[in-house]
PDB file of N, CA and C in Angstrom:
ATOM      1  N   MET A   1     110.025 261.001 108.982  1.00  0.00           N
ATOM      2  CA  MET A   1     110.671 262.123 108.306  1.00  0.00           C
ATOM      3  C   MET A   1     111.895 262.470 109.110  1.00  0.00           C
ATOM      4  N   ALA A   2     112.731 263.140 108.367  1.00  0.00           N
ATOM      5  CA  ALA A   2     114.261 263.406 108.681  1.00  0.00           C
ATOM      6  C   ALA A   2     113.952 264.720 109.657  1.00  0.00           C
ATOM      7  N   ASN A   3     114.854 265.042 110.481  1.00  0.00           N
ATOM      8  CA  ASN A   3     114.958 266.149 111.379  1.00  0.00           C
ATOM      9  C   ASN A   3     115.936 267.169 111.267  1.00  0.00           C
ATOM     10  N   ILE A   4     115.924 268.323 111.382  1.00  0.00           N
ATOM     11  CA  ILE A   4     117.011 269.145 111.473  1.00  0.00           C
ATOM     12  C   ILE A   4     117.290 269.305 113.067  1.00  0.00           C
ATOM     13  N   TYR A   5     118.560 269.397 113.550  1.00  0.00           N
ATOM     14  CA  TYR A   5     118.983 269.764 114.911  1.00  0.00           C
ATOM     15  C   TYR A   5     119.768 270.922 114.846  1.00  0.00           C
ATOM     16  N   CYS A   6     119.351 271.880 115.823  1.00  0.00           N
ATOM     17  CA  CYS A   6     120.159 273.134 115.811  1.00  0.00           C
ATOM     18  C   CYS A   6     119.922 273.749 117.141  1.00  0.00           C
ATOM     19  N   THR A   7     120.964 274.612 117.275  1.00  0.00           N
ATOM     20  CA  THR A   7     120.852 275.771 118.516  1.00  0.00           C
ATOM     21  C   THR A   7     120.326 277.012 117.992  1.00  0.00           C
ATOM     22  N   ALA A   8     119.427 277.465 118.810  1.00  0.00           N
ATOM     23  CA  ALA A   8     118.812 278.745 118.548  1.00  0.00           C
ATOM     24  C   ALA A   8     118.291 279.312 119.763  1.00  0.00           C
ATOM     25  N   THR A   9     118.359 280.718 120.150  1.00  0.00           N
ATOM     26  CA  THR A   9     117.977 281.426 121.277  1.00  0.00           C
ATOM     27  C   THR A   9     116.380 281.757 121.153  1.00  0.00           C
ATOM     28  N   ASN A  10     115.487 281.381 121.885  1.00  0.00           N
ATOM     29  CA  ASN A  10     113.926 281.708 121.875  1.00  0.00           C
ATOM     30  C   ASN A  10     113.969 283.172 122.385  1.00  0.00           C
ATOM     31  N   THR A  11     113.632 283.945 121.178  1.00  0.00           N
ATOM     32  CA  THR A  11     113.454 285.325 121.413  1.00  0.00           C
ATOM     33  C   THR A  11     112.056 286.031 121.946  1.00  0.00           C
ATOM     34  N   GLY A  12     111.024 284.782 122.092  1.00  0.00           N
ATOM     35  CA  GLY A  12     109.715 285.126 122.448  1.00  0.00           C
ATOM     36  C   GLY A  12     108.846 285.232 121.517  1.00  0.00           C
ATOM     37  N   THR A  13     107.954 286.428 121.305  1.00  0.00           N
ATOM     38  CA  THR A  13     107.001 286.436 120.336  1.00  0.00           C
ATOM     39  C   THR A  13     107.590 286.258 118.911  1.00  0.00           C
ATOM     40  N   GLY A  14     106.923 285.587 118.215  1.00  0.00           N
ATOM     41  CA  GLY A  14     107.199 285.333 116.660  1.00  0.00           C
ATOM     42  C   GLY A  14     108.591 284.367 116.471  1.00  0.00           C
ATOM     43  N   PHE A  15     108.997 283.699 117.650  1.00  0.00           N
ATOM     44  CA  PHE A  15     109.934 282.875 117.391  1.00  0.00           C
ATOM     45  C   PHE A  15     109.661 281.626 116.693  1.00  0.00           C
ATOM     46  N   ILE A  16     108.402 281.293 116.996  1.00  0.00           N
ATOM     47  CA  ILE A  16     107.687 280.120 116.422  1.00  0.00           C
ATOM     48  C   ILE A  16     106.135 280.398 116.278  1.00  0.00           C
ATOM     49  N   THR A  17     105.892 280.684 114.939  1.00  0.00           N
ATOM     50  CA  THR A  17     104.397 281.217 114.752  1.00  0.00           C
ATOM     51  C   THR A  17     103.406 280.225 114.534  1.00  0.00           C
ATOM     52  N   HIS A  18     102.210 280.676 114.584  1.00  0.00           N
ATOM     53  CA  HIS A  18     100.974 279.674 114.498  1.00  0.00           C
ATOM     54  C   HIS A  18     100.995 279.190 112.983  1.00  0.00           C
ATOM     55  N   ALA A  19     101.386 279.970 112.169  1.00  0.00           N
ATOM     56  CA  ALA A  19     101.419 279.716 110.814  1.00  0.00           C
ATOM     57  C   ALA A  19     102.355 278.799 110.449  1.00  0.00           C
ATOM     58  N   GLU A  20     103.575 278.789 110.969  1.00  0.00           N
ATOM     59  CA  GLU A  20     104.664 277.872 110.784  1.00  0.00           C
ATOM     60  C   GLU A  20     104.236 276.640 111.217  1.00  0.00           C
ATOM     61  N   GLN A  21     103.424 276.347 112.428  1.00  0.00           N
ATOM     62  CA  GLN A  21     103.000 275.175 113.018  1.00  0.00           C
ATOM     63  C   GLN A  21     101.979 274.520 112.242  1.00  0.00           C
ATOM     64  N   GLU A  22     101.044 275.453 111.562  1.00  0.00           N
ATOM     65  CA  GLU A  22      99.916 275.048 110.862  1.00  0.00           C
ATOM     66  C   GLU A  22     100.221 274.756 109.280  1.00  0.00           C
ATOM     67  N   ASN A  23     101.434 275.079 108.778  1.00  0.00           N
ATOM     68  CA  ASN A  23     101.709 275.042 107.513  1.00  0.00           C
ATOM     69  C   ASN A  23     101.532 273.722 106.913  1.00  0.00           C
ATOM     70  N   ALA A  24     101.303 273.517 105.543  1.00  0.00           N
ATOM     71  CA  ALA A  24     101.239 272.324 104.878  1.00  0.00           C
ATOM     72  C   ALA A  24     102.400 271.369 105.089  1.00  0.00           C
ATOM     73  N   GLU A  25     103.485 272.240 105.318  1.00  0.00           N
ATOM     74  CA  GLU A  25     104.660 271.272 105.703  1.00  0.00           C
ATOM     75  C   GLU A  25     104.960 271.778 107.255  1.00  0.00           C
ATOM     76  N   PRO A  26     104.352 271.305 108.164  1.00  0.00           N
ATOM     77  CA  PRO A  26     104.396 271.934 109.276  1.00  0.00           C
ATOM     78  C   PRO A  26     105.948 271.917 110.200  1.00  0.00           C
ATOM     79  N   LEU A  27     106.208 272.895 110.905  1.00  0.00           N
ATOM     80  CA  LEU A  27     107.496 272.996 111.638  1.00  0.00           C
ATOM     81  C   LEU A  27     107.696 271.822 112.524  1.00  0.00           C
ATOM     82  N   ASN A  28     106.759 271.738 113.463  1.00  0.00           N
ATOM     83  CA  ASN A  28     106.567 270.771 114.543  1.00  0.00           C
ATOM     84  C   ASN A  28     107.984 270.864 115.422  1.00  0.00           C
ATOM     85  N   ALA A  29     108.131 272.198 115.773  1.00  0.00           N
ATOM     86  CA  ALA A  29     109.415 272.294 116.609  1.00  0.00           C
ATOM     87  C   ALA A  29     109.325 271.761 118.045  1.00  0.00           C
ATOM     88  N   ARG A  30     110.522 271.334 118.470  1.00  0.00           N
ATOM     89  CA  ARG A  30     110.646 270.758 119.919  1.00  0.00           C
ATOM     90  C   ARG A  30     111.749 271.284 120.521  1.00  0.00           C
ATOM     91  N   GLY A  31     111.733 271.822 121.609  1.00  0.00           N
ATOM     92  CA  GLY A  31     112.812 272.512 122.217  1.00  0.00           C
ATOM     93  C   GLY A  31     113.520 271.592 123.384  1.00  0.00           C
ATOM     94  N   PHE A  32     114.677 271.746 123.618  1.00  0.00           N
ATOM     95  CA  PHE A  32     115.358 270.936 124.610  1.00  0.00           C
ATOM     96  C   PHE A  32     116.435 271.819 125.425  1.00  0.00           C
ATOM     97  N   PRO A  33     116.894 271.182 126.552  1.00  0.00           N
ATOM     98  CA  PRO A  33     117.709 272.064 127.155  1.00  0.00           C
ATOM     99  C   PRO A  33     119.054 272.374 126.460  1.00  0.00           C
ATOM    100  N   GLY A  34     119.673 273.651 126.868  1.00  0.00           N
ATOM    101  CA  GLY A  34     120.656 273.962 125.966  1.00  0.00           C
ATOM    102  C   GLY A  34     120.596 274.880 124.835  1.00  0.00           C
ATOM    103  N   ASN A  35     119.308 275.296 124.650  1.00  0.00           N
ATOM    104  CA  ASN A  35     118.744 275.916 123.468  1.00  0.00           C
ATOM    105  C   ASN A  35     118.774 274.966 122.267  1.00  0.00           C
ATOM    106  N   VAL A  36     118.717 273.592 122.326  1.00  0.00           N
ATOM    107  CA  VAL A  36     118.731 272.974 121.209  1.00  0.00           C
ATOM    108  C   VAL A  36     117.158 272.576 120.840  1.00  0.00           C
ATOM    109  N   TRP A  37     116.923 272.784 119.361  1.00  0.00           N
ATOM    110  CA  TRP A  37     115.824 272.646 118.848  1.00  0.00           C
ATOM    111  C   TRP A  37     115.762 271.490 117.809  1.00  0.00           C
ATOM    112  N   VAL A  38     114.592 270.808 117.524  1.00  0.00           N
ATOM    113  CA  VAL A  38     114.474 269.799 116.587  1.00  0.00           C
ATOM    114  C   VAL A  38     113.247 270.109 115.761  1.00  0.00           C
ATOM    115  N   VAL A  39     113.512 270.340 114.503  1.00  0.00           N
ATOM    116  CA  VAL A  39     112.316 270.540 113.643  1.00  0.00           C
ATOM    117  C   VAL A  39     112.206 269.424 112.440  1.00  0.00           C
ATOM    118  N   ASN A  40     111.175 269.523 111.661  1.00  0.00           N
ATOM    119  CA  ASN A  40     111.057 268.634 110.532  1.00  0.00           C
ATOM    120  C   ASN A  40     112.033 269.173 109.517  1.00  0.00           C
ATOM    121  N   ASP A  41     112.709 268.310 108.900  1.00  0.00           N
ATOM    122  CA  ASP A  41     113.546 268.628 107.771  1.00  0.00           C
ATOM    123  C   ASP A  41     112.588 268.961 106.532  1.00  0.00           C
ATOM    124  N   ASN A  42     112.092 270.030 106.339  1.00  0.00           N
ATOM    125  CA  ASN A  42     111.260 270.432 105.193  1.00  0.00           C
ATOM    126  C   ASN A  42     111.521 271.853 105.033  1.00  0.00           C
ATOM    127  N   ASN A  43     110.621 272.376 104.010  1.00  0.00           N
ATOM    128  CA  ASN A  43     110.946 273.884 103.511  1.00  0.00           C
ATOM    129  C   ASN A  43     110.534 274.600 104.843  1.00  0.00           C
ATOM    130  N   THR A  44     109.661 274.505 105.444  1.00  0.00           N
ATOM    131  CA  THR A  44     109.265 275.278 106.668  1.00  0.00           C
ATOM    132  C   THR A  44     110.405 275.257 107.598  1.00  0.00           C
ATOM    133  N   GLY A  45     110.705 274.028 108.067  1.00  0.00           N
ATOM    134  CA  GLY A  45     112.132 273.982 109.121  1.00  0.00           C
ATOM    135  C   GLY A  45     113.178 274.680 108.626  1.00  0.00           C
ATOM    136  N   ARG A  46     113.611 274.466 107.271  1.00  0.00           N
ATOM    137  CA  ARG A  46     114.949 275.152 106.817  1.00  0.00           C
ATOM    138  C   ARG A  46     114.523 276.754 106.753  1.00  0.00           C
ATOM    139  N   ALA A  47     113.401 277.154 106.313  1.00  0.00           N
ATOM    140  CA  ALA A  47     113.206 278.631 106.514  1.00  0.00           C
ATOM    141  C   ALA A  47     113.256 279.138 108.053  1.00  0.00           C
ATOM    142  N   TRP A  48     112.648 278.354 108.838  1.00  0.00           N
ATOM    143  CA  TRP A  48     112.571 278.761 110.238  1.00  0.00           C
ATOM    144  C   TRP A  48     114.007 278.759 110.827  1.00  0.00           C
ATOM    145  N   LEU A  49     114.915 277.876 110.595  1.00  0.00           N
ATOM    146  CA  LEU A  49     116.282 277.899 110.837  1.00  0.00           C
ATOM    147  C   LEU A  49     116.933 279.101 110.617  1.00  0.00           C
ATOM    148  N   THR A  50     116.542 279.754 109.327  1.00  0.00           N
ATOM    149  CA  THR A  50     117.261 280.926 108.694  1.00  0.00           C
ATOM    150  C   THR A  50     116.600 282.039 109.450  1.00  0.00           C
ATOM    151  N   LYS A  51     115.464 282.198 109.850  1.00  0.00           N
ATOM    152  CA  LYS A  51     114.757 283.124 110.472  1.00  0.00           C
ATOM    153  C   LYS A  51     115.438 283.343 111.751  1.00  0.00           C
ATOM    154  N   VAL A  52     115.512 282.313 112.597  1.00  0.00           N
ATOM    155  CA  VAL A  52     115.904 282.521 113.864  1.00  0.00           C
ATOM    156  C   VAL A  52     117.513 282.529 114.073  1.00  0.00           C
ATOM    157  N   ASN A  53     118.118 282.612 112.998  1.00  0.00           N
ATOM    158  CA  ASN A  53     119.527 282.543 113.058  1.00  0.00           C
ATOM    159  C   ASN A  53     120.047 281.253 113.812  1.00  0.00           C
ATOM    160  N   GLY A  54     119.405 280.032 113.578  1.00  0.00           N
ATOM    161  CA  GLY A  54     120.078 279.028 114.268  1.00  0.00           C
ATOM    162  C   GLY A  54     121.294 278.429 113.609  1.00  0.00           C
ATOM    163  N   VAL A  55     121.931 277.608 114.439  1.00  0.00           N
ATOM    164  CA  VAL A  55     123.106 276.953 114.000  1.00  0.00           C
ATOM    165  C   VAL A  55     122.826 275.437 113.919  1.00  0.00           C
ATOM    166  N   SER A  56     122.919 275.147 112.593  1.00  0.00           N
ATOM    167  CA  SER A  56     122.788 273.447 112.422  1.00  0.00           C
ATOM    168  C   SER A  56     123.878 272.709 113.327  1.00  0.00           C
ATOM    169  N   LYS A  57     123.395 271.621 113.905  1.00  0.00           N
ATOM    170  CA  LYS A  57     124.116 270.633 114.490  1.00  0.00           C
ATOM    171  C   LYS A  57     123.716 269.164 113.813  1.00  0.00           C
ATOM    172  N   THR A  58     124.974 268.332 114.102  1.00  0.00           N
ATOM    173  CA  THR A  58     124.436 266.801 113.894  1.00  0.00           C
ATOM    174  C   THR A  58     123.550 266.401 115.167  1.00  0.00           C
ATOM    175  N   LYS A  59     123.010 265.320 114.985  1.00  0.00           N
ATOM    176  CA  LYS A  59     122.251 264.801 116.060  1.00  0.00           C
ATOM    177  C   LYS A  59     123.079 264.448 117.133  1.00  0.00           C
ATOM    178  N   GLU A  60     124.408 264.111 116.879  1.00  0.00           N
ATOM    179  CA  GLU A  60     125.355 263.682 117.865  1.00  0.00           C
ATOM    180  C   GLU A  60     125.677 265.067 118.663  1.00  0.00           C
ATOM    181  N   GLU A  61     125.921 265.909 117.926  1.00  0.00           N
ATOM    182  CA  GLU A  61     126.423 267.352 118.652  1.00  0.00           C
ATOM    183  C   GLU A  61     125.322 268.004 119.459  1.00  0.00           C
ATOM    184  N   ALA A  62     124.106 267.751 119.025  1.00  0.00           N
ATOM    185  CA  ALA A  62     122.983 268.390 119.722  1.00  0.00           C
ATOM    186  C   ALA A  62     122.671 267.526 121.023  1.00  0.00           C
ATOM    187  N   GLN A  63     123.022 266.226 120.945  1.00  0.00           N
ATOM    188  CA  GLN A  63     122.608 265.166 121.927  1.00  0.00           C
ATOM    189  C   GLN A  63     123.632 265.805 122.965  1.00  0.00           C
ATOM    190  N   ALA A  64     125.042 265.981 122.672  1.00  0.00           N
ATOM    191  CA  ALA A  64     126.086 266.328 123.493  1.00  0.00           C
ATOM    192  C   ALA A  64     125.755 267.659 124.331  1.00  0.00           C
ATOM    193  N   ILE A  65     125.017 268.604 123.618  1.00  0.00           N
ATOM    194  CA  ILE A  65     124.781 269.887 124.252  1.00  0.00           C
ATOM    195  C   ILE A  65     123.710 269.606 125.208  1.00  0.00           C
ATOM    196  N   VAL A  66     122.722 268.750 124.904  1.00  0.00           N
ATOM    197  CA  VAL A  66     121.560 268.432 125.796  1.00  0.00           C
ATOM    198  C   VAL A  66     122.127 267.624 127.128  1.00  0.00           C
ATOM    199  N   ASP A  67     122.979 266.795 126.784  1.00  0.00           N
ATOM    200  CA  ASP A  67     123.552 266.012 127.938  1.00  0.00           C
ATOM    201  C   ASP A  67     124.470 266.851 129.021  1.00  0.00           C
ATOM    202  N   ALA A  68     125.188 267.729 128.296  1.00  0.00           N
ATOM    203  CA  ALA A  68     125.880 268.688 129.118  1.00  0.00           C
ATOM    204  C   ALA A  68     124.933 269.467 130.063  1.00  0.00           C
ATOM    205  N   GLN A  69     124.059 270.158 129.410  1.00  0.00           N
ATOM    206  CA  GLN A  69     123.205 270.945 130.212  1.00  0.00           C
ATOM    207  C   GLN A  69     122.277 270.099 131.416  1.00  0.00           C
ATOM    208  N   ILE A  70     121.856 269.066 131.046  1.00  0.00           N
ATOM    209  CA  ILE A  70     121.338 268.076 131.976  1.00  0.00           C
ATOM    210  C   ILE A  70     122.292 267.834 133.028  1.00  0.00           C
ATOM    211  N   THR A  71     123.615 267.518 132.892  1.00  0.00           N
ATOM    212  CA  THR A  71     124.436 267.326 133.913  1.00  0.00           C
ATOM    213  C   THR A  71     124.688 268.553 134.616  1.00  0.00           C
ATOM    214  N   THR A  72     124.693 269.540 134.181  1.00  0.00           N
ATOM    215  CA  THR A  72     124.867 270.799 134.928  1.00  0.00           C
ATOM    216  C   THR A  72     123.712 271.036 135.866  1.00  0.00           C
ATOM    217  N   GLU A  73     122.456 270.890 135.383  1.00  0.00           N
ATOM    218  CA  GLU A  73     121.333 271.043 136.089  1.00  0.00           C
ATOM    219  C   GLU A  73     121.204 269.877 137.243  1.00  0.00           C
ATOM    220  N   GLN A  74     121.693 268.805 136.947  1.00  0.00           N
ATOM    221  CA  GLN A  74     121.698 267.743 137.903  1.00  0.00           C
ATOM    222  C   GLN A  74     122.559 268.023 139.066  1.00  0.00           C
ATOM    223  N   THR A  75     123.739 268.546 138.682  1.00  0.00           N
ATOM    224  CA  THR A  75     124.894 268.930 139.647  1.00  0.00           C
ATOM    225  C   THR A  75     124.239 270.100 140.510  1.00  0.00           C
ATOM    226  N   ALA A  76     123.615 271.116 139.772  1.00  0.00           N
ATOM    227  CA  ALA A  76     123.059 272.202 140.608  1.00  0.00           C
ATOM    228  C   ALA A  76     121.857 271.741 141.737  1.00  0.00           C
ATOM    229  N   TYR A  77     121.150 270.497 141.217  1.00  0.00           N
ATOM    230  CA  TYR A  77     120.002 270.063 142.048  1.00  0.00           C
ATOM    231  C   TYR A  77     120.611 269.430 143.075  1.00  0.00           C
ATOM    232  N   ASP A  78     121.679 268.429 142.862  1.00  0.00           N
ATOM    233  CA  ASP A  78     122.130 267.625 143.900  1.00  0.00           C
ATOM    234  C   ASP A  78     122.797 268.583 144.987  1.00  0.00           C
ATOM    235  N   SER A  79     123.259 269.672 144.565  1.00  0.00           N
ATOM    236  CA  SER A  79     124.176 270.425 145.556  1.00  0.00           C
ATOM    237  C   SER A  79     123.117 271.412 146.609  1.00  0.00           C
ATOM    238  N   LEU A  80     121.856 271.328 146.262  1.00  0.00           N
ATOM    239  CA  LEU A  80     120.790 271.850 147.098  1.00  0.00           C
ATOM    240  C   LEU A  80     120.727 271.341 148.437  1.00  0.00           C
ATOM    241  N   PRO A  81     120.588 272.034 149.413  1.00  0.00           N
ATOM    242  CA  PRO A  81     120.133 271.230 150.851  1.00  0.00           C
ATOM    243  C   PRO A  81     118.962 270.359 150.656  1.00  0.00           C
ATOM    244  N   GLU A  82     118.803 269.293 151.326  1.00  0.00           N
ATOM    245  CA  GLU A  82     117.607 268.382 151.377  1.00  0.00           C
ATOM    246  C   GLU A  82     116.449 269.043 151.696  1.00  0.00           C
ATOM    247  N   ASP A  83     116.610 270.021 152.596  1.00  0.00           N
ATOM    248  CA  ASP A  83     115.166 270.784 152.894  1.00  0.00           C
ATOM    249  C   ASP A  83     114.844 271.866 151.918  1.00  0.00           C
ATOM    250  N   SER A  84     115.666 272.191 150.942  1.00  0.00           N
ATOM    251  CA  SER A  84     115.306 273.141 149.704  1.00  0.00           C
ATOM    252  C   SER A  84     113.927 273.010 149.235  1.00  0.00           C
ATOM    253  N   ILE A  85     113.286 274.273 149.085  1.00  0.00           N
ATOM    254  CA  ILE A  85     111.960 274.145 148.448  1.00  0.00           C
ATOM    255  C   ILE A  85     112.015 273.690 147.029  1.00  0.00           C
ATOM    256  N   LYS A  86     113.236 273.736 146.475  1.00  0.00           N
ATOM    257  CA  LYS A  86     113.503 273.313 144.896  1.00  0.00           C
ATOM    258  C   LYS A  86     113.601 271.816 144.902  1.00  0.00           C
ATOM    259  N   LYS A  87     113.524 271.113 146.035  1.00  0.00           N
ATOM    260  CA  LYS A  87     113.584 269.647 146.130  1.00  0.00           C
ATOM    261  C   LYS A  87     112.358 269.084 146.519  1.00  0.00           C
ATOM    262  N   GLN A  88     111.310 269.942 146.943  1.00  0.00           N
ATOM    263  CA  GLN A  88     110.120 269.457 147.421  1.00  0.00           C
ATOM    264  C   GLN A  88     109.153 269.124 146.279  1.00  0.00           C
ATOM    265  N   TYR A  89     108.193 268.363 146.420  1.00  0.00           N
ATOM    266  CA  TYR A  89     107.232 267.820 145.361  1.00  0.00           C
ATOM    267  C   TYR A  89     106.499 269.203 144.791  1.00  0.00           C
ATOM    268  N   PRO A  90     106.429 269.264 143.631  1.00  0.00           N
ATOM    269  CA  PRO A  90     106.588 268.419 142.529  1.00  0.00           C
ATOM    270  C   PRO A  90     107.856 268.597 141.768  1.00  0.00           C
ATOM    271  N   MET A  91     108.875 269.228 142.370  1.00  0.00           N
ATOM    272  CA  MET A  91     110.191 269.346 141.812  1.00  0.00           C
ATOM    273  C   MET A  91     110.804 268.007 141.784  1.00  0.00           C
ATOM    274  N   ILE A  92     111.496 267.666 140.759  1.00  0.00           N
ATOM    275  CA  ILE A  92     112.435 266.379 140.639  1.00  0.00           C
ATOM    276  C   ILE A  92     113.630 266.689 139.998  1.00  0.00           C
ATOM    277  N   ARG A  93     114.753 265.652 140.209  1.00  0.00           N
ATOM    278  CA  ARG A  93     115.893 265.812 139.590  1.00  0.00           C
ATOM    279  C   ARG A  93     115.877 265.567 138.244  1.00  0.00           C
ATOM    280  N   PRO A  94     116.510 266.571 137.370  1.00  0.00           N
ATOM    281  CA  PRO A  94     116.379 266.639 136.158  1.00  0.00           C
ATOM    282  C   PRO A  94     116.864 265.224 135.488  1.00  0.00           C
ATOM    283  N   GLN A  95     116.097 264.913 134.344  1.00  0.00           N
ATOM    284  CA  GLN A  95     116.353 263.412 133.945  1.00  0.00           C
ATOM    285  C   GLN A  95     117.065 263.453 132.632  1.00  0.00           C
ATOM    286  N   SER A  96     117.730 262.308 132.370  1.00  0.00           N
ATOM    287  CA  SER A  96     118.534 262.287 130.776  1.00  0.00           C
ATOM    288  C   SER A  96     117.441 262.478 129.762  1.00  0.00           C
ATOM    289  N   ILE A  97     117.646 262.979 128.653  1.00  0.00           N
ATOM    290  CA  ILE A  97     116.746 263.036 127.664  1.00  0.00           C
ATOM    291  C   ILE A  97     117.381 262.705 126.217  1.00  0.00           C
ATOM    292  N   THR A  98     116.707 261.692 125.460  1.00  0.00           N
ATOM    293  CA  THR A  98     117.092 261.188 124.318  1.00  0.00           C
ATOM    294  C   THR A  98     116.586 262.123 123.105  1.00  0.00           C
ATOM    295  N   LEU A  99     117.259 262.496 122.277  1.00  0.00           N
ATOM    296  CA  LEU A  99     116.707 263.253 121.202  1.00  0.00           C
ATOM    297  C   LEU A  99     116.219 262.388 120.161  1.00  0.00           C
ATOM    298  N   PRO A 100     114.840 262.878 119.625  1.00  0.00           N
ATOM    299  CA  PRO A 100     114.232 262.020 118.602  1.00  0.00           C
ATOM    300  C   PRO A 100     115.033 261.841 117.303  1.00  0.00           C
TER     301      PRO A 100
END
């Protein structure tokens, strides 16, 4: 199934509802760094995009946003002192992500 790629800010309660996830055409929302979201391209996904004031992106645009956010997070991690609690197990350096 095709996907919709977008940016949207998670507003908490009601951002993704149980009904949207359990619909006959489920939302199947997946969030990524940079407020990037991937949902199924169906009636539920298109309605959700409108509901959350999402901004449609191409897969390439969405991937660039995720890559930039990961790079920022890696730089922040690398700048921490070696004895930082934020570098102790189970914390790991942010890893690259490829969007589905």
